[in-house]
């Protein structure tokens, strides 16, 4: 038995050394990584620090480590691995509108948002925003608690983002009216995509969301316009009552035209830029309270289901 005592002692010392080496590698000693999650802690600890300066490699694979301790392969920088694409939840793309063959021309029954009655109309304004005229229109709408749609041109919007933000803050809806107001049926598809896409980008930069409605200048639509609009997530909206304010016929003529054609479901076309729009500003201040007095309610369209 005396001859075996040195052997037993050596075995004890060897086992102690192995245990201490394992403990040091696993961060159980004071000089190790102390931020690793404890076994069974559900990974709530802070990710461990990276390798020391100089790019020193980490320890090799642990052998015989206690169950539950992380196993670092040779060369590992000790960091927790990010979630891989296989483990990440799938992102479901937003449904695009169907490609239409004609624009929406009126508000069907039940497609008005917040109307409260069957006598719902929608007011729309094109070509802006223009700091000379748009604020006056917004003031009139705010005075009567009415919301409208503004189909903006990118070349006007890019320098008047404060007006875009005011529109959204006051509950109005922004639509896309291209960048420079070209007749889409006379330009190439790439040029059309640029006109429409750039305008959506400017609106999104200004207010945080891209337009969901699109209107072709001059009401000139073709297949490519419908396709590009749908690809950008927009529905095409036209109008049923043209005030012809762009002709500057006089405030009285504009007011008379709106009051004469007012009816449930109509979409009224006005302009807040593209020329001298002082008549448009004055006409709105006149015909809007008269429409409200007749029982009409100005409302916004609901997006059709996709």
Foldseek 3Di string as FASTA:
>chain_A
DVVCVVVVVVVVVVVVVLVVVLCQLLQVDPVRFPQADDFPNVRPTDQTAFADPPLDWHDDFDDPHDPRGDTDHTRDRRGDDDDDPVRDDDDDDDDFDDQDQAAAAWFPPPFFPPFPDQQEEAEEAEAADDPVFLVLQVVLCVVVVFEHEYAYAQCHCLVPLVSLQVNVVSPYAYEHAFHPQDQVVPDDLVVLLNRRVSSQVSSCVSHVHGHQAYEYRVNRDDSSNSVSSRVVNHGYYDFDQELVCVVVPALVSSLVSCVVPRGGTGYYYHYRDDDPNPSVSVNCSPNVVVCVVVVYGHTDGHDDDD
